[in-house]
Amino acid sequence: RLADLCEKNRIAFIGPKSDILAKMGDKI
């Protein structure tokens, strides 16, 4: 959510992109 909001507001998120967070945040 935070990474998405950063991307929508053209603010850099100091971490992976939101799609990577989604993939790896779900441990399954």
PDB file of all heavy atoms in Angstrom:
ATOM      1  N   ARG A   1       0.831  -1.208   0.000  1.00  0.00           N
ATOM      2  CA  ARG A   1       0.000   0.000   0.000  1.00  0.00           C
ATOM      3  C   ARG A   1       0.869   1.263   0.000  1.00  0.00           C
ATOM      4  O   ARG A   1       0.646   2.175  -0.795  1.00  0.00           O
ATOM      5  CB  ARG A   1      -0.921  -0.005   1.225  1.00  0.00           C
ATOM      6  CG  ARG A   1      -1.782   1.249   1.411  1.00  0.00           C
ATOM      7  CD  ARG A   1      -2.733   1.443   0.266  1.00  0.00           C
ATOM      8  NE  ARG A   1      -3.592   2.593   0.477  1.00  0.00           N
ATOM      9  CZ  ARG A   1      -4.249   3.214  -0.493  1.00  0.00           C
ATOM     10  NH1 ARG A   1      -4.141   2.787  -1.743  1.00  0.00           N
ATOM     11  NH2 ARG A   1      -5.011   4.242  -0.232  1.00  0.00           N
ATOM     12  N   LEU A   2       1.841   1.326   0.907  1.00  0.00           N
ATOM     13  CA  LEU A   2       2.715   2.498   0.956  1.00  0.00           C
ATOM     14  C   LEU A   2       3.526   2.624  -0.328  1.00  0.00           C
ATOM     15  O   LEU A   2       3.669   3.719  -0.883  1.00  0.00           O
ATOM     16  CB  LEU A   2       3.642   2.431   2.162  1.00  0.00           C
ATOM     17  CG  LEU A   2       4.605   3.618   2.325  1.00  0.00           C
ATOM     18  CD1 LEU A   2       3.848   4.938   2.437  1.00  0.00           C
ATOM     19  CD2 LEU A   2       5.513   3.416   3.543  1.00  0.00           C
ATOM     20  N   ALA A   3       4.060   1.509  -0.810  1.00  0.00           N
ATOM     21  CA  ALA A   3       4.847   1.551  -2.050  1.00  0.00           C
ATOM     22  C   ALA A   3       3.994   2.004  -3.229  1.00  0.00           C
ATOM     23  O   ALA A   3       4.445   2.795  -4.073  1.00  0.00           O
ATOM     24  CB  ALA A   3       5.455   0.178  -2.329  1.00  0.00           C
ATOM     25  N   ASP A   4       2.741   1.536  -3.301  1.00  0.00           N
ATOM     26  CA  ASP A   4       1.821   1.962  -4.358  1.00  0.00           C
ATOM     27  C   ASP A   4       1.549   3.459  -4.292  1.00  0.00           C
ATOM     28  O   ASP A   4       1.564   4.157  -5.309  1.00  0.00           O
ATOM     29  CB  ASP A   4       0.491   1.207  -4.248  1.00  0.00           C
ATOM     30  CG  ASP A   4       0.549  -0.181  -4.859  1.00  0.00           C
ATOM     31  OD1 ASP A   4       1.380  -0.400  -5.758  1.00  0.00           O
ATOM     32  OD2 ASP A   4      -0.236  -1.045  -4.438  1.00  0.00           O
ATOM     33  N   LEU A   5       1.289   3.950  -3.080  1.00  0.00           N
ATOM     34  CA  LEU A   5       1.021   5.374  -2.907  1.00  0.00           C
ATOM     35  C   LEU A   5       2.230   6.219  -3.286  1.00  0.00           C
ATOM     36  O   LEU A   5       2.089   7.304  -3.866  1.00  0.00           O
ATOM     37  CB  LEU A   5       0.603   5.662  -1.467  1.00  0.00           C
ATOM     38  CG  LEU A   5      -0.801   5.203  -1.061  1.00  0.00           C
ATOM     39  CD1 LEU A   5      -1.007   5.372   0.442  1.00  0.00           C
ATOM     40  CD2 LEU A   5      -1.865   5.993  -1.833  1.00  0.00           C
ATOM     41  N   CYS A   6       3.416   5.717  -2.959  1.00  0.00           N
ATOM     42  CA  CYS A   6       4.636   6.421  -3.363  1.00  0.00           C
ATOM     43  C   CYS A   6       4.721   6.520  -4.885  1.00  0.00           C
ATOM     44  O   CYS A   6       4.990   7.593  -5.448  1.00  0.00           O
ATOM     45  CB  CYS A   6       5.865   5.711  -2.818  1.00  0.00           C
ATOM     46  SG  CYS A   6       6.168   5.964  -1.064  1.00  0.00           S
ATOM     47  N   GLU A   7       4.477   5.406  -5.552  1.00  0.00           N
ATOM     48  CA  GLU A   7       4.561   5.381  -7.007  1.00  0.00           C
ATOM     49  C   GLU A   7       3.528   6.310  -7.637  1.00  0.00           C
ATOM     50  O   GLU A   7       3.821   7.039  -8.593  1.00  0.00           O
ATOM     51  CB  GLU A   7       4.394   3.944  -7.509  1.00  0.00           C
ATOM     52  CG  GLU A   7       5.588   3.060  -7.166  1.00  0.00           C
ATOM     53  CD  GLU A   7       5.317   1.575  -7.335  1.00  0.00           C
ATOM     54  OE1 GLU A   7       4.312   1.221  -7.991  1.00  0.00           O
ATOM     55  OE2 GLU A   7       6.101   0.758  -6.812  1.00  0.00           O
ATOM     56  N   LYS A   8       2.304   6.316  -7.097  1.00  0.00           N
ATOM     57  CA  LYS A   8       1.245   7.173  -7.642  1.00  0.00           C
ATOM     58  C   LYS A   8       1.555   8.651  -7.452  1.00  0.00           C
ATOM     59  O   LYS A   8       1.140   9.486  -8.251  1.00  0.00           O
ATOM     60  CB  LYS A   8      -0.090   6.820  -6.980  1.00  0.00           C
ATOM     61  CG  LYS A   8      -0.662   5.485  -7.424  1.00  0.00           C
ATOM     62  CD  LYS A   8      -1.917   5.134  -6.653  1.00  0.00           C
ATOM     63  CE  LYS A   8      -2.445   3.758  -7.073  1.00  0.00           C
ATOM     64  NZ  LYS A   8      -3.624   3.357  -6.251  1.00  0.00           N
ATOM     65  N   ASN A   9       2.263   8.982  -6.379  1.00  0.00           N
ATOM     66  CA  ASN A   9       2.573  10.377  -6.077  1.00  0.00           C
ATOM     67  C   ASN A   9       3.992  10.771  -6.486  1.00  0.00           C
ATOM     68  O   ASN A   9       4.471  11.830  -6.098  1.00  0.00           O
ATOM     69  CB  ASN A   9       2.357  10.638  -4.584  1.00  0.00           C
ATOM     70  CG  ASN A   9       0.900  10.654  -4.195  1.00  0.00           C
ATOM     71  OD1 ASN A   9       0.217  11.669  -4.384  1.00  0.00           O
ATOM     72  ND2 ASN A   9       0.405   9.544  -3.668  1.00  0.00           N
ATOM     73  N   ARG A  10       4.650   9.906  -7.251  1.00  0.00           N
ATOM     74  CA  ARG A  10       5.991  10.167  -7.770  1.00  0.00           C
ATOM     75  C   ARG A  10       6.990  10.452  -6.651  1.00  0.00           C
ATOM     76  O   ARG A  10       7.836  11.351  -6.755  1.00  0.00           O
ATOM     77  CB  ARG A  10       5.958  11.305  -8.798  1.00  0.00           C
ATOM     78  CG  ARG A  10       5.124  10.974 -10.016  1.00  0.00           C
ATOM     79  CD  ARG A  10       5.170  12.082 -11.043  1.00  0.00           C
ATOM     80  NE  ARG A  10       4.374  11.730 -12.224  1.00  0.00           N
ATOM     81  CZ  ARG A  10       4.229  12.513 -13.293  1.00  0.00           C
ATOM     82  NH1 ARG A  10       4.854  13.693 -13.332  1.00  0.00           N
ATOM     83  NH2 ARG A  10       3.492  12.142 -14.304  1.00  0.00           N
ATOM     84  N   ILE A  11       6.862   9.671  -5.598  1.00  0.00           N
ATOM     85  CA  ILE A  11       7.801   9.714  -4.482  1.00  0.00           C
ATOM     86  C   ILE A  11       8.546   8.388  -4.472  1.00  0.00           C
ATOM     87  O   ILE A  11       7.932   7.328  -4.552  1.00  0.00           O
ATOM     88  CB  ILE A  11       7.062   9.919  -3.143  1.00  0.00           C
ATOM     89  CG1 ILE A  11       6.346  11.274  -3.129  1.00  0.00           C
ATOM     90  CG2 ILE A  11       8.035   9.827  -1.970  1.00  0.00           C
ATOM     91  CD1 ILE A  11       5.419  11.450  -1.947  1.00  0.00           C
ATOM     92  N   ALA A  12       9.849   8.431  -4.402  1.00  0.00           N
ATOM     93  CA  ALA A  12      10.625   7.184  -4.409  1.00  0.00           C
ATOM     94  C   ALA A  12      10.422   6.428  -3.099  1.00  0.00           C
ATOM     95  O   ALA A  12      10.486   7.019  -2.017  1.00  0.00           O
ATOM     96  CB  ALA A  12      12.099   7.485  -4.621  1.00  0.00           C
ATOM     97  N   PHE A  13      10.174   5.139  -3.190  1.00  0.00           N
ATOM     98  CA  PHE A  13      10.109   4.256  -2.030  1.00  0.00           C
ATOM     99  C   PHE A  13      11.471   3.605  -1.900  1.00  0.00           C
ATOM    100  O   PHE A  13      11.934   2.928  -2.820  1.00  0.00           O
ATOM    101  CB  PHE A  13       9.018   3.203  -2.224  1.00  0.00           C
ATOM    102  CG  PHE A  13       8.862   2.248  -1.071  1.00  0.00           C
ATOM    103  CD1 PHE A  13       8.169   2.619   0.072  1.00  0.00           C
ATOM    104  CD2 PHE A  13       9.403   0.968  -1.137  1.00  0.00           C
ATOM    105  CE1 PHE A  13       8.017   1.732   1.135  1.00  0.00           C
ATOM    106  CE2 PHE A  13       9.260   0.079  -0.082  1.00  0.00           C
ATOM    107  CZ  PHE A  13       8.560   0.467   1.053  1.00  0.00           C
ATOM    108  N   ILE A  14      12.139   3.814  -0.777  1.00  0.00           N
ATOM    109  CA  ILE A  14      13.501   3.291  -0.608  1.00  0.00           C
ATOM    110  C   ILE A  14      13.397   1.833  -0.178  1.00  0.00           C
ATOM    111  O   ILE A  14      13.428   1.468   0.990  1.00  0.00           O
ATOM    112  CB  ILE A  14      14.301   4.149   0.385  1.00  0.00           C
ATOM    113  CG1 ILE A  14      14.378   5.586  -0.145  1.00  0.00           C
ATOM    114  CG2 ILE A  14      15.720   3.581   0.565  1.00  0.00           C
ATOM    115  CD1 ILE A  14      15.074   6.554   0.768  1.00  0.00           C
ATOM    116  N   GLY A  15      13.236   1.005  -1.199  1.00  0.00           N
ATOM    117  CA  GLY A  15      13.025  -0.423  -1.031  1.00  0.00           C
ATOM    118  C   GLY A  15      12.606  -1.000  -2.367  1.00  0.00           C
ATOM    119  O   GLY A  15      12.683  -0.309  -3.395  1.00  0.00           O
ATOM    120  N   PRO A  16      12.143  -2.235  -2.400  1.00  0.00           N
ATOM    121  CA  PRO A  16      11.716  -2.848  -3.658  1.00  0.00           C
ATOM    122  C   PRO A  16      10.445  -2.206  -4.218  1.00  0.00           C
ATOM    123  O   PRO A  16       9.723  -1.504  -3.509  1.00  0.00           O
ATOM    124  CB  PRO A  16      11.444  -4.312  -3.260  1.00  0.00           C
ATOM    125  CG  PRO A  16      12.076  -4.483  -1.938  1.00  0.00           C
ATOM    126  CD  PRO A  16      12.064  -3.155  -1.269  1.00  0.00           C
ATOM    127  N   LYS A  17      10.172  -2.478  -5.484  1.00  0.00           N
ATOM    128  CA  LYS A  17       8.934  -2.032  -6.106  1.00  0.00           C
ATOM    129  C   LYS A  17       7.739  -2.775  -5.497  1.00  0.00           C
ATOM    130  O   LYS A  17       7.889  -3.845  -4.918  1.00  0.00           O
ATOM    131  CB  LYS A  17       8.968  -2.261  -7.620  1.00  0.00           C
ATOM    132  CG  LYS A  17      10.124  -1.560  -8.327  1.00  0.00           C
ATOM    133  CD  LYS A  17      10.033  -0.046  -8.192  1.00  0.00           C
ATOM    134  CE  LYS A  17      11.142   0.648  -8.979  1.00  0.00           C
ATOM    135  NZ  LYS A  17      11.139   2.118  -8.774  1.00  0.00           N
ATOM    136  N   SER A  18       6.560  -2.198  -5.656  1.00  0.00           N
ATOM    137  CA  SER A  18       5.362  -2.759  -5.015  1.00  0.00           C
ATOM    138  C   SER A  18       5.047  -4.178  -5.489  1.00  0.00           C
ATOM    139  O   SER A  18       4.556  -5.005  -4.716  1.00  0.00           O
ATOM    140  CB  SER A  18       4.154  -1.853  -5.251  1.00  0.00           C
ATOM    141  OG  SER A  18       3.895  -1.690  -6.634  1.00  0.00           O
ATOM    142  N   ASP A  19       5.327  -4.491  -6.772  1.00  0.00           N
ATOM    143  CA  ASP A  19       5.026  -5.843  -7.251  1.00  0.00           C
ATOM    144  C   ASP A  19       5.934  -6.880  -6.596  1.00  0.00           C
ATOM    145  O   ASP A  19       5.501  -8.011  -6.317  1.00  0.00           O
ATOM    146  CB  ASP A  19       5.138  -5.924  -8.771  1.00  0.00           C
ATOM    147  CG  ASP A  19       6.541  -5.617  -9.291  1.00  0.00           C
ATOM    148  OD1 ASP A  19       7.246  -4.793  -8.664  1.00  0.00           O
ATOM    149  OD2 ASP A  19       6.940  -6.207 -10.313  1.00  0.00           O
ATOM    150  N   ILE A  20       7.185  -6.493  -6.304  1.00  0.00           N
ATOM    151  CA  ILE A  20       8.092  -7.411  -5.605  1.00  0.00           C
ATOM    152  C   ILE A  20       7.634  -7.598  -4.159  1.00  0.00           C
ATOM    153  O   ILE A  20       7.629  -8.718  -3.633  1.00  0.00           O
ATOM    154  CB  ILE A  20       9.540  -6.881  -5.643  1.00  0.00           C
ATOM    155  CG1 ILE A  20      10.022  -6.748  -7.083  1.00  0.00           C
ATOM    156  CG2 ILE A  20      10.478  -7.802  -4.852  1.00  0.00           C
ATOM    157  CD1 ILE A  20      11.369  -6.079  -7.223  1.00  0.00           C
ATOM    158  N   LEU A  21       7.224  -6.505  -3.524  1.00  0.00           N
ATOM    159  CA  LEU A  21       6.701  -6.604  -2.158  1.00  0.00           C
ATOM    160  C   LEU A  21       5.507  -7.539  -2.099  1.00  0.00           C
ATOM    161  O   LEU A  21       5.370  -8.331  -1.166  1.00  0.00           O
ATOM    162  CB  LEU A  21       6.307  -5.214  -1.658  1.00  0.00           C
ATOM    163  CG  LEU A  21       7.443  -4.238  -1.342  1.00  0.00           C
ATOM    164  CD1 LEU A  21       6.896  -2.838  -1.149  1.00  0.00           C
ATOM    165  CD2 LEU A  21       8.189  -4.683  -0.089  1.00  0.00           C
ATOM    166  N   ALA A  22       4.622  -7.453  -3.092  1.00  0.00           N
ATOM    167  CA  ALA A  22       3.433  -8.302  -3.122  1.00  0.00           C
ATOM    168  C   ALA A  22       3.816  -9.773  -3.268  1.00  0.00           C
ATOM    169  O   ALA A  22       3.277 -10.648  -2.578  1.00  0.00           O
ATOM    170  CB  ALA A  22       2.509  -7.878  -4.254  1.00  0.00           C
ATOM    171  N   LYS A  23       4.760 -10.053  -4.162  1.00  0.00           N
ATOM    172  CA  LYS A  23       5.168 -11.443  -4.396  1.00  0.00           C
ATOM    173  C   LYS A  23       5.834 -12.054  -3.158  1.00  0.00           C
ATOM    174  O   LYS A  23       5.528 -13.168  -2.758  1.00  0.00           O
ATOM    175  CB  LYS A  23       6.141 -11.513  -5.570  1.00  0.00           C
ATOM    176  CG  LYS A  23       5.536 -11.250  -6.922  1.00  0.00           C
ATOM    177  CD  LYS A  23       6.625 -11.227  -7.995  1.00  0.00           C
ATOM    178  CE  LYS A  23       6.084 -10.868  -9.348  1.00  0.00           C
ATOM    179  NZ  LYS A  23       7.163 -10.750 -10.371  1.00  0.00           N
ATOM    180  N   MET A  24       6.761 -11.305  -2.565  1.00  0.00           N
ATOM    181  CA  MET A  24       7.548 -11.862  -1.481  1.00  0.00           C
ATOM    182  C   MET A  24       6.876 -11.691  -0.113  1.00  0.00           C
ATOM    183  O   MET A  24       7.229 -12.365   0.847  1.00  0.00           O
ATOM    184  CB  MET A  24       8.938 -11.234  -1.465  1.00  0.00           C
ATOM    185  CG  MET A  24       9.691 -11.399  -2.781  1.00  0.00           C
ATOM    186  SD  MET A  24       9.653 -13.080  -3.437  1.00  0.00           S
ATOM    187  CE  MET A  24      10.656 -13.927  -2.230  1.00  0.00           C
ATOM    188  N   GLY A  25       5.926 -10.766  -0.007  1.00  0.00           N
ATOM    189  CA  GLY A  25       5.209 -10.603   1.251  1.00  0.00           C
ATOM    190  C   GLY A  25       4.278 -11.751   1.535  1.00  0.00           C
ATOM    191  O   GLY A  25       3.944 -12.034   2.692  1.00  0.00           O
ATOM    192  N   ASP A  26       3.821 -12.415   0.485  1.00  0.00           N
ATOM    193  CA  ASP A  26       3.007 -13.618   0.620  1.00  0.00           C
ATOM    194  C   ASP A  26       3.975 -14.807   0.637  1.00  0.00           C
ATOM    195  O   ASP A  26       4.541 -15.172  -0.381  1.00  0.00           O
ATOM    196  CB  ASP A  26       2.039 -13.720  -0.560  1.00  0.00           C
ATOM    197  CG  ASP A  26       1.131 -14.944  -0.496  1.00  0.00           C
ATOM    198  OD1 ASP A  26       1.498 -15.941   0.166  1.00  0.00           O
ATOM    199  OD2 ASP A  26       0.063 -14.910  -1.120  1.00  0.00           O
ATOM    200  N   LYS A  27       4.160 -15.396   1.813  1.00  0.00           N
ATOM    201  CA  LYS A  27       5.186 -16.428   1.960  1.00  0.00           C
ATOM    202  C   LYS A  27       4.876 -17.674   1.131  1.00  0.00           C
ATOM    203  O   LYS A  27       5.787 -18.403   0.730  1.00  0.00           O
ATOM    204  CB  LYS A  27       5.360 -16.777   3.437  1.00  0.00           C
ATOM    205  CG  LYS A  27       5.985 -15.651   4.250  1.00  0.00           C
ATOM    206  CD  LYS A  27       6.244 -16.075   5.674  1.00  0.00           C
ATOM    207  CE  LYS A  27       7.016 -15.009   6.436  1.00  0.00           C
ATOM    208  NZ  LYS A  27       6.260 -13.759   6.574  1.00  0.00           N
ATOM    209  N   ILE A  28       3.594 -17.931   0.887  1.00  0.00           N
ATOM    210  CA  ILE A  28       3.234 -19.070   0.044  1.00  0.00           C
ATOM    211  C   ILE A  28       3.648 -18.789  -1.397  1.00  0.00           C
ATOM    212  O   ILE A  28       4.241 -19.652  -2.071  1.00  0.00           O
ATOM    213  CB  ILE A  28       1.724 -19.366   0.135  1.00  0.00           C
ATOM    214  CG1 ILE A  28       1.357 -19.767   1.569  1.00  0.00           C
ATOM    215  CG2 ILE A  28       1.332 -20.468  -0.849  1.00  0.00           C
ATOM    216  CD1 ILE A  28      -0.124 -19.897   1.821  1.00  0.00           C
TER     217      ILE A  28
END
